[in-house]
N, C-alpha and C. Protein backbone atom coordinates (compact mmCIF):
# COMPACT_ATOMS: atom_id res chain seq x y z
N MET A 1 21.25 -48.10 -26.14
CA MET A 1 20.62 -47.62 -24.94
C MET A 1 19.67 -48.72 -24.44
N LYS A 2 19.82 -49.05 -23.18
CA LYS A 2 19.00 -50.10 -22.59
C LYS A 2 17.67 -49.51 -22.12
N ARG A 3 16.63 -50.18 -22.43
CA ARG A 3 15.31 -49.70 -22.05
C ARG A 3 14.76 -50.59 -20.94
N TYR A 4 14.10 -49.92 -19.98
CA TYR A 4 13.52 -50.66 -18.86
C TYR A 4 12.35 -51.47 -19.37
N ASP A 5 12.40 -52.77 -19.14
CA ASP A 5 11.33 -53.65 -19.60
C ASP A 5 10.39 -53.90 -18.43
N SER A 6 9.20 -53.40 -18.58
CA SER A 6 8.23 -53.56 -17.50
C SER A 6 7.15 -54.56 -17.89
N GLY A 7 7.48 -55.45 -18.72
CA GLY A 7 6.52 -56.47 -19.10
C GLY A 7 5.69 -56.08 -20.31
N GLY A 8 6.15 -55.14 -21.07
CA GLY A 8 5.41 -54.76 -22.26
C GLY A 8 5.28 -53.24 -22.35
N SER A 9 4.49 -52.82 -23.28
CA SER A 9 4.32 -51.39 -23.48
C SER A 9 3.41 -50.79 -22.41
N TYR A 10 3.39 -49.49 -22.38
CA TYR A 10 2.58 -48.75 -21.41
C TYR A 10 1.11 -49.14 -21.54
N ALA A 11 0.64 -49.19 -22.77
CA ALA A 11 -0.77 -49.51 -23.01
C ALA A 11 -1.11 -50.91 -22.52
N SER A 12 -0.18 -51.85 -22.73
CA SER A 12 -0.48 -53.22 -22.32
C SER A 12 -0.50 -53.36 -20.80
N ILE A 13 0.31 -52.53 -20.08
CA ILE A 13 0.35 -52.61 -18.61
C ILE A 13 -0.99 -52.16 -18.03
N TRP A 14 -1.46 -51.00 -18.41
CA TRP A 14 -2.68 -50.51 -17.77
C TRP A 14 -3.92 -51.26 -18.24
N ARG A 15 -3.84 -51.88 -19.41
CA ARG A 15 -4.99 -52.66 -19.87
C ARG A 15 -5.13 -53.97 -19.09
N LYS A 16 -3.98 -54.50 -18.64
CA LYS A 16 -4.02 -55.76 -17.90
C LYS A 16 -4.63 -55.56 -16.51
N LYS A 17 -4.26 -54.47 -15.83
CA LYS A 17 -4.68 -54.27 -14.45
C LYS A 17 -5.93 -53.40 -14.31
N TYR A 18 -6.13 -52.47 -15.22
CA TYR A 18 -7.19 -51.47 -15.07
C TYR A 18 -8.17 -51.55 -16.24
N GLN A 19 -9.39 -51.14 -15.97
CA GLN A 19 -10.42 -51.21 -16.99
C GLN A 19 -10.30 -50.07 -18.01
N ASN A 20 -9.82 -48.89 -17.55
CA ASN A 20 -9.64 -47.77 -18.47
C ASN A 20 -8.46 -46.92 -18.00
N LYS A 21 -8.10 -45.95 -18.83
CA LYS A 21 -6.94 -45.11 -18.53
C LYS A 21 -7.20 -44.21 -17.32
N GLY A 22 -8.44 -43.76 -17.15
CA GLY A 22 -8.78 -42.91 -16.01
C GLY A 22 -8.53 -43.62 -14.69
N GLN A 23 -8.88 -44.90 -14.62
CA GLN A 23 -8.66 -45.67 -13.40
C GLN A 23 -7.15 -45.81 -13.13
N TYR A 24 -6.39 -46.03 -14.19
CA TYR A 24 -4.93 -46.14 -14.05
C TYR A 24 -4.35 -44.83 -13.52
N LEU A 25 -4.77 -43.69 -14.11
CA LEU A 25 -4.25 -42.40 -13.67
C LEU A 25 -4.65 -42.09 -12.23
N PHE A 26 -5.86 -42.47 -11.85
CA PHE A 26 -6.32 -42.26 -10.47
C PHE A 26 -5.45 -43.05 -9.50
N GLU A 27 -5.23 -44.31 -9.79
CA GLU A 27 -4.40 -45.15 -8.91
C GLU A 27 -2.97 -44.61 -8.84
N LYS A 28 -2.45 -44.18 -9.97
CA LYS A 28 -1.09 -43.63 -10.00
C LYS A 28 -1.01 -42.37 -9.15
N GLY A 29 -2.00 -41.47 -9.26
CA GLY A 29 -2.03 -40.24 -8.47
C GLY A 29 -2.17 -40.52 -6.99
N THR A 30 -3.02 -41.48 -6.63
CA THR A 30 -3.21 -41.86 -5.24
C THR A 30 -1.91 -42.40 -4.64
N ALA A 31 -1.23 -43.25 -5.39
CA ALA A 31 0.04 -43.81 -4.92
C ALA A 31 1.10 -42.71 -4.74
N LEU A 32 1.15 -41.77 -5.68
CA LEU A 32 2.10 -40.67 -5.59
C LEU A 32 1.80 -39.79 -4.39
N LYS A 33 0.53 -39.53 -4.14
CA LYS A 33 0.13 -38.72 -2.99
C LYS A 33 0.52 -39.41 -1.68
N GLN A 34 0.31 -40.71 -1.60
CA GLN A 34 0.66 -41.47 -0.39
C GLN A 34 2.17 -41.46 -0.17
N THR A 35 2.93 -41.61 -1.24
CA THR A 35 4.39 -41.59 -1.13
C THR A 35 4.87 -40.22 -0.65
N THR A 36 4.30 -39.16 -1.20
CA THR A 36 4.67 -37.80 -0.80
C THR A 36 4.34 -37.57 0.66
N LYS A 37 3.18 -38.06 1.09
CA LYS A 37 2.76 -37.90 2.49
C LYS A 37 3.74 -38.60 3.43
N GLU A 38 4.14 -39.80 3.08
CA GLU A 38 5.08 -40.55 3.90
C GLU A 38 6.44 -39.85 3.96
N LEU A 39 6.88 -39.33 2.83
CA LEU A 39 8.16 -38.60 2.79
C LEU A 39 8.10 -37.36 3.69
N ASN A 40 7.00 -36.62 3.63
CA ASN A 40 6.85 -35.43 4.48
C ASN A 40 6.86 -35.79 5.96
N MET A 41 6.23 -36.90 6.31
CA MET A 41 6.23 -37.33 7.71
C MET A 41 7.64 -37.69 8.18
N ILE A 42 8.39 -38.35 7.33
CA ILE A 42 9.77 -38.72 7.67
C ILE A 42 10.62 -37.46 7.87
N GLN A 43 10.47 -36.49 6.95
CA GLN A 43 11.23 -35.25 7.07
C GLN A 43 10.84 -34.47 8.33
N LYS A 44 9.57 -34.48 8.66
CA LYS A 44 9.10 -33.78 9.85
C LYS A 44 9.69 -34.41 11.12
N SER A 45 9.66 -35.72 11.18
CA SER A 45 10.22 -36.39 12.37
C SER A 45 11.73 -36.15 12.47
N GLN A 46 12.40 -36.07 11.32
CA GLN A 46 13.83 -35.78 11.32
C GLN A 46 14.11 -34.38 11.86
N ARG A 47 13.30 -33.41 11.42
CA ARG A 47 13.47 -32.03 11.92
C ARG A 47 13.23 -31.96 13.42
N GLU A 48 12.23 -32.69 13.90
CA GLU A 48 11.95 -32.69 15.34
C GLU A 48 13.10 -33.31 16.13
N ARG A 49 13.67 -34.40 15.62
CA ARG A 49 14.82 -35.01 16.29
C ARG A 49 16.01 -34.06 16.33
N ASP A 50 16.25 -33.34 15.21
CA ASP A 50 17.35 -32.38 15.16
C ASP A 50 17.13 -31.25 16.16
N ALA A 51 15.90 -30.80 16.28
CA ALA A 51 15.59 -29.73 17.22
C ALA A 51 15.79 -30.20 18.65
N LEU A 52 15.42 -31.43 18.95
CA LEU A 52 15.61 -31.96 20.31
C LEU A 52 17.09 -32.13 20.65
N ARG A 53 17.91 -32.47 19.67
CA ARG A 53 19.36 -32.60 19.91
C ARG A 53 19.97 -31.27 20.31
N LYS A 54 19.43 -30.17 19.74
CA LYS A 54 19.96 -28.85 20.03
C LYS A 54 19.52 -28.34 21.39
N CYS A 55 18.46 -28.91 21.96
CA CYS A 55 17.96 -28.45 23.25
C CYS A 55 18.88 -28.93 24.38
N THR A 56 19.17 -28.00 25.29
CA THR A 56 20.02 -28.35 26.43
C THR A 56 19.20 -28.54 27.70
N PHE A 57 17.99 -28.02 27.71
CA PHE A 57 17.10 -28.06 28.86
C PHE A 57 17.72 -27.40 30.09
N LYS A 58 18.64 -26.46 29.84
CA LYS A 58 19.25 -25.66 30.90
C LYS A 58 19.04 -24.20 30.52
N PRO A 59 18.11 -23.53 31.17
CA PRO A 59 17.83 -22.14 30.79
C PRO A 59 18.99 -21.22 31.12
N GLU A 60 19.19 -20.19 30.29
CA GLU A 60 20.20 -19.18 30.54
C GLU A 60 19.52 -18.00 31.21
N LEU A 61 19.99 -17.68 32.40
CA LEU A 61 19.42 -16.55 33.13
C LEU A 61 20.22 -15.30 32.84
N ILE A 62 19.52 -14.18 32.70
CA ILE A 62 20.18 -12.91 32.46
C ILE A 62 20.55 -12.32 33.81
N SER A 63 21.83 -12.01 33.97
CA SER A 63 22.28 -11.49 35.26
C SER A 63 21.85 -10.04 35.47
N LYS A 64 21.70 -9.29 34.37
CA LYS A 64 21.31 -7.89 34.48
C LYS A 64 19.78 -7.81 34.49
N GLY A 65 19.23 -7.30 35.55
CA GLY A 65 17.78 -7.18 35.66
C GLY A 65 17.27 -5.97 34.90
N ILE A 66 15.99 -5.89 34.71
CA ILE A 66 15.38 -4.77 34.02
C ILE A 66 15.04 -3.70 35.05
N ARG A 67 15.49 -2.49 34.77
CA ARG A 67 15.24 -1.39 35.70
C ARG A 67 14.03 -0.58 35.25
N ASP A 68 13.39 0.08 36.21
CA ASP A 68 12.24 0.92 35.88
C ASP A 68 12.65 2.13 35.08
N GLU A 69 13.90 2.58 35.21
CA GLU A 69 14.35 3.75 34.46
C GLU A 69 14.42 3.47 32.96
N ASP A 70 14.51 2.19 32.60
CA ASP A 70 14.59 1.83 31.19
C ASP A 70 13.26 2.05 30.47
N TYR A 71 12.19 2.09 31.23
CA TYR A 71 10.87 2.25 30.63
C TYR A 71 10.45 3.71 30.68
N GLU A 72 9.87 4.17 29.58
CA GLU A 72 9.36 5.53 29.52
C GLU A 72 7.88 5.51 29.85
N CYS A 73 7.38 6.65 30.20
CA CYS A 73 5.95 6.80 30.45
C CYS A 73 5.20 6.52 29.14
N ILE A 74 4.05 5.90 29.24
CA ILE A 74 3.30 5.53 28.04
C ILE A 74 2.90 6.77 27.23
N THR A 75 2.60 7.87 27.91
CA THR A 75 2.22 9.09 27.18
C THR A 75 3.40 9.64 26.38
N GLU A 76 4.59 9.57 26.96
CA GLU A 76 5.78 10.04 26.23
C GLU A 76 6.05 9.17 25.01
N LYS A 77 5.91 7.87 25.20
CA LYS A 77 6.10 6.95 24.07
C LYS A 77 5.08 7.23 22.97
N THR A 78 3.83 7.46 23.37
CA THR A 78 2.78 7.72 22.40
C THR A 78 3.05 9.01 21.63
N LYS A 79 3.49 10.05 22.35
CA LYS A 79 3.80 11.32 21.69
C LYS A 79 4.94 11.14 20.69
N LYS A 80 5.98 10.41 21.09
CA LYS A 80 7.10 10.17 20.18
C LYS A 80 6.64 9.40 18.95
N TRP A 81 5.81 8.39 19.18
CA TRP A 81 5.33 7.57 18.07
C TRP A 81 4.48 8.41 17.12
N GLN A 82 3.58 9.25 17.67
CA GLN A 82 2.73 10.09 16.83
C GLN A 82 3.57 11.08 16.03
N GLU A 83 4.59 11.65 16.64
CA GLU A 83 5.46 12.59 15.93
C GLU A 83 6.20 11.89 14.79
N GLU A 84 6.66 10.68 15.08
CA GLU A 84 7.36 9.91 14.04
C GLU A 84 6.41 9.57 12.90
N GLN A 85 5.18 9.19 13.21
CA GLN A 85 4.18 8.91 12.19
C GLN A 85 3.92 10.15 11.34
N ARG A 86 3.76 11.30 12.00
CA ARG A 86 3.49 12.55 11.28
C ARG A 86 4.66 12.86 10.34
N ARG A 87 5.90 12.69 10.84
CA ARG A 87 7.07 12.94 9.99
C ARG A 87 7.08 12.02 8.77
N ARG A 88 6.74 10.75 8.99
CA ARG A 88 6.71 9.80 7.88
C ARG A 88 5.65 10.17 6.86
N VAL A 89 4.48 10.57 7.35
CA VAL A 89 3.40 10.95 6.43
C VAL A 89 3.81 12.17 5.60
N VAL A 90 4.40 13.17 6.26
CA VAL A 90 4.83 14.37 5.55
C VAL A 90 5.91 14.02 4.53
N ALA A 91 6.86 13.18 4.94
CA ALA A 91 7.93 12.77 4.02
C ALA A 91 7.35 12.02 2.82
N ASN A 92 6.38 11.15 3.07
CA ASN A 92 5.76 10.40 1.97
C ASN A 92 5.00 11.33 1.03
N GLN A 93 4.31 12.33 1.61
CA GLN A 93 3.58 13.29 0.78
C GLN A 93 4.54 14.10 -0.09
N LYS A 94 5.65 14.54 0.51
CA LYS A 94 6.64 15.31 -0.26
C LYS A 94 7.23 14.45 -1.37
N ALA A 95 7.55 13.20 -1.04
CA ALA A 95 8.11 12.30 -2.05
C ALA A 95 7.11 12.08 -3.19
N LYS A 96 5.82 11.97 -2.84
CA LYS A 96 4.79 11.77 -3.85
C LYS A 96 4.68 13.00 -4.74
N GLU A 97 4.73 14.21 -4.14
CA GLU A 97 4.66 15.44 -4.92
C GLU A 97 5.86 15.57 -5.86
N VAL A 98 7.04 15.25 -5.34
CA VAL A 98 8.24 15.32 -6.17
C VAL A 98 8.14 14.32 -7.32
N LYS A 99 7.63 13.15 -7.03
CA LYS A 99 7.49 12.12 -8.06
C LYS A 99 6.50 12.56 -9.14
N GLU A 100 5.42 13.26 -8.73
CA GLU A 100 4.41 13.70 -9.69
C GLU A 100 4.97 14.75 -10.64
N VAL A 101 5.78 15.67 -10.13
CA VAL A 101 6.30 16.74 -10.98
C VAL A 101 7.66 16.42 -11.59
N ASP A 102 8.18 15.28 -11.26
CA ASP A 102 9.46 14.87 -11.83
C ASP A 102 9.30 14.68 -13.33
N GLY A 103 10.09 15.37 -14.09
CA GLY A 103 10.02 15.27 -15.54
C GLY A 103 9.04 16.26 -16.15
N CYS A 104 8.37 17.06 -15.33
CA CYS A 104 7.43 18.05 -15.85
C CYS A 104 8.22 19.25 -16.36
N THR A 105 7.93 19.68 -17.57
CA THR A 105 8.67 20.81 -18.16
C THR A 105 7.89 22.10 -18.09
N PHE A 106 6.64 22.08 -17.70
CA PHE A 106 5.81 23.27 -17.63
C PHE A 106 5.94 23.91 -16.26
N HIS A 107 6.43 25.15 -16.20
CA HIS A 107 6.59 25.88 -14.94
C HIS A 107 6.03 27.29 -15.13
N PRO A 108 4.74 27.51 -14.86
CA PRO A 108 4.16 28.83 -15.06
C PRO A 108 4.66 29.83 -14.02
N VAL A 109 4.75 31.10 -14.41
CA VAL A 109 5.16 32.16 -13.50
C VAL A 109 3.92 32.99 -13.19
N THR A 110 3.55 33.06 -11.94
CA THR A 110 2.39 33.83 -11.54
C THR A 110 2.80 34.84 -10.48
N ASN A 111 2.15 36.00 -10.50
CA ASN A 111 2.43 37.03 -9.50
C ASN A 111 1.47 36.96 -8.33
N ASP A 112 0.29 36.44 -8.56
CA ASP A 112 -0.74 36.39 -7.53
C ASP A 112 -0.61 35.10 -6.73
N PRO A 113 -0.30 35.20 -5.42
CA PRO A 113 -0.17 33.97 -4.64
C PRO A 113 -1.50 33.27 -4.42
N ILE A 114 -2.61 34.03 -4.47
CA ILE A 114 -3.93 33.42 -4.28
C ILE A 114 -4.61 33.38 -5.64
N SER A 115 -5.00 32.21 -6.04
CA SER A 115 -5.66 32.10 -7.33
C SER A 115 -7.06 32.68 -7.21
N PRO A 116 -7.61 33.29 -8.29
CA PRO A 116 -8.95 33.87 -8.22
C PRO A 116 -10.00 32.83 -7.83
N ARG A 117 -9.85 31.63 -8.30
CA ARG A 117 -10.83 30.58 -7.97
C ARG A 117 -10.85 30.34 -6.47
N GLY A 118 -9.68 30.23 -5.86
CA GLY A 118 -9.60 30.01 -4.42
C GLY A 118 -10.12 31.20 -3.64
N TYR A 119 -9.90 32.40 -4.19
CA TYR A 119 -10.36 33.62 -3.53
C TYR A 119 -11.89 33.65 -3.50
N TYR A 120 -12.52 33.34 -4.63
CA TYR A 120 -13.97 33.40 -4.68
C TYR A 120 -14.63 32.25 -3.91
N ASP A 121 -13.95 31.14 -3.82
CA ASP A 121 -14.52 30.04 -3.06
C ASP A 121 -14.59 30.38 -1.58
N SER A 122 -13.68 31.22 -1.10
CA SER A 122 -13.65 31.53 0.32
C SER A 122 -14.67 32.60 0.70
N LEU A 123 -15.20 33.31 -0.27
CA LEU A 123 -16.20 34.35 0.01
C LEU A 123 -17.60 33.75 0.02
N SER A 124 -18.46 34.38 0.80
CA SER A 124 -19.85 33.92 0.80
C SER A 124 -20.54 34.43 -0.46
N VAL A 125 -21.69 33.91 -0.76
CA VAL A 125 -22.44 34.31 -1.96
C VAL A 125 -22.82 35.79 -1.85
N PHE A 126 -23.24 36.20 -0.68
CA PHE A 126 -23.63 37.59 -0.48
C PHE A 126 -22.45 38.53 -0.77
N ASN A 127 -21.29 38.20 -0.21
CA ASN A 127 -20.10 39.04 -0.42
C ASN A 127 -19.70 39.07 -1.89
N ARG A 128 -19.81 37.95 -2.57
CA ARG A 128 -19.47 37.93 -4.00
C ARG A 128 -20.42 38.80 -4.78
N ASN A 129 -21.72 38.74 -4.47
CA ASN A 129 -22.69 39.58 -5.16
C ASN A 129 -22.45 41.07 -4.89
N MET A 130 -22.11 41.39 -3.65
CA MET A 130 -21.83 42.79 -3.32
C MET A 130 -20.59 43.28 -4.07
N GLU A 131 -19.56 42.45 -4.11
CA GLU A 131 -18.34 42.82 -4.82
C GLU A 131 -18.63 42.99 -6.32
N TRP A 132 -19.42 42.13 -6.89
CA TRP A 132 -19.78 42.22 -8.30
C TRP A 132 -20.56 43.51 -8.57
N ASN A 133 -21.49 43.83 -7.67
CA ASN A 133 -22.29 45.04 -7.81
C ASN A 133 -21.41 46.28 -7.74
N ASP A 134 -20.44 46.29 -6.82
CA ASP A 134 -19.51 47.42 -6.71
C ASP A 134 -18.71 47.58 -8.00
N ARG A 135 -18.20 46.48 -8.54
CA ARG A 135 -17.43 46.55 -9.78
C ARG A 135 -18.29 47.04 -10.94
N ARG A 136 -19.52 46.60 -10.99
CA ARG A 136 -20.44 47.02 -12.05
C ARG A 136 -20.71 48.53 -11.98
N GLU A 137 -20.93 49.00 -10.76
CA GLU A 137 -21.16 50.44 -10.59
C GLU A 137 -19.93 51.25 -10.97
N LEU A 138 -18.75 50.74 -10.60
CA LEU A 138 -17.50 51.42 -10.94
C LEU A 138 -17.33 51.52 -12.46
N LYS A 139 -17.61 50.44 -13.17
CA LYS A 139 -17.52 50.45 -14.63
C LYS A 139 -18.52 51.43 -15.24
N LEU A 140 -19.72 51.43 -14.68
CA LEU A 140 -20.75 52.33 -15.18
C LEU A 140 -20.34 53.79 -14.99
N GLN A 141 -19.78 54.10 -13.83
CA GLN A 141 -19.30 55.47 -13.55
C GLN A 141 -18.19 55.86 -14.52
N GLU A 142 -17.26 54.92 -14.79
CA GLU A 142 -16.17 55.20 -15.73
C GLU A 142 -16.73 55.47 -17.12
N GLN A 143 -17.71 54.71 -17.54
CA GLN A 143 -18.31 54.91 -18.86
C GLN A 143 -19.02 56.28 -18.93
N LEU A 144 -19.70 56.62 -17.84
CA LEU A 144 -20.41 57.90 -17.82
C LEU A 144 -19.43 59.07 -17.81
N GLN A 145 -18.32 58.93 -17.12
CA GLN A 145 -17.31 59.99 -17.09
C GLN A 145 -16.70 60.18 -18.48
N ARG A 146 -16.48 59.11 -19.20
CA ARG A 146 -15.94 59.21 -20.54
C ARG A 146 -16.91 59.91 -21.49
N THR A 147 -18.17 59.67 -21.28
CA THR A 147 -19.16 60.31 -22.14
C THR A 147 -19.53 61.71 -21.66
N GLY A 148 -19.14 62.08 -20.44
CA GLY A 148 -19.43 63.42 -19.92
C GLY A 148 -20.73 63.50 -19.16
N LEU A 149 -21.40 62.43 -18.91
CA LEU A 149 -22.64 62.46 -18.16
C LEU A 149 -22.37 62.12 -16.70
N SER A 150 -23.29 62.38 -15.83
CA SER A 150 -23.12 62.03 -14.41
C SER A 150 -24.30 61.18 -13.97
N LEU A 151 -24.06 60.40 -12.94
CA LEU A 151 -25.07 59.50 -12.41
C LEU A 151 -25.72 60.16 -11.23
N ILE A 152 -27.02 60.20 -11.21
CA ILE A 152 -27.74 60.83 -10.10
C ILE A 152 -28.29 59.72 -9.21
N HIS A 153 -27.88 59.75 -7.93
CA HIS A 153 -28.39 58.78 -6.95
C HIS A 153 -29.58 59.37 -6.24
N ILE A 154 -30.63 58.66 -6.13
CA ILE A 154 -31.83 59.17 -5.44
C ILE A 154 -31.96 58.49 -4.11
C-alpha cells in the first residue's frame, strides 16, 4: 500500500510551520471554513443560473376571469369555518375519551343517572340543610313509631 508522503510525519509538519498544535488546528479549521464558504457560493450561483434558464419572461394570462359569484359572503364563510372547527373539536374530544377508556376492563352498572355528589353540588347550602333536617325528622318519627311514642309539636 502506497502512503502519501507529505514531507514527513504529521508531528514534523505542524512543528515546522506552527508553534503549537492549537495554532495548527486553528489554521486547518479556518482553511476548511473558507473552502466550504467558496463551495457554497459556487453552488448558489449555479442554482441562480439554472433558475434564470427556466425563466421565459413571458407571463401566462388566464383567459377565465374571476367572477363575483365564486366568492361567498364573509359571514357565511366565517359560519362555515366555525362549524367545521366545532366539529373538529368535538371529534378530537370523542377520540380522546375513547383513547382514555380503551383497554379499560372496569364497567360499573349504576341505576341513578345523577350521581349524589353532582346532585348535592347543584343545591344551595340552605336547601341542603333543609333537606338534611327533613330526613332527620323523618328518621326520628320512624324511631318513635317503632317504640310507640309520638312527637308533640309546639
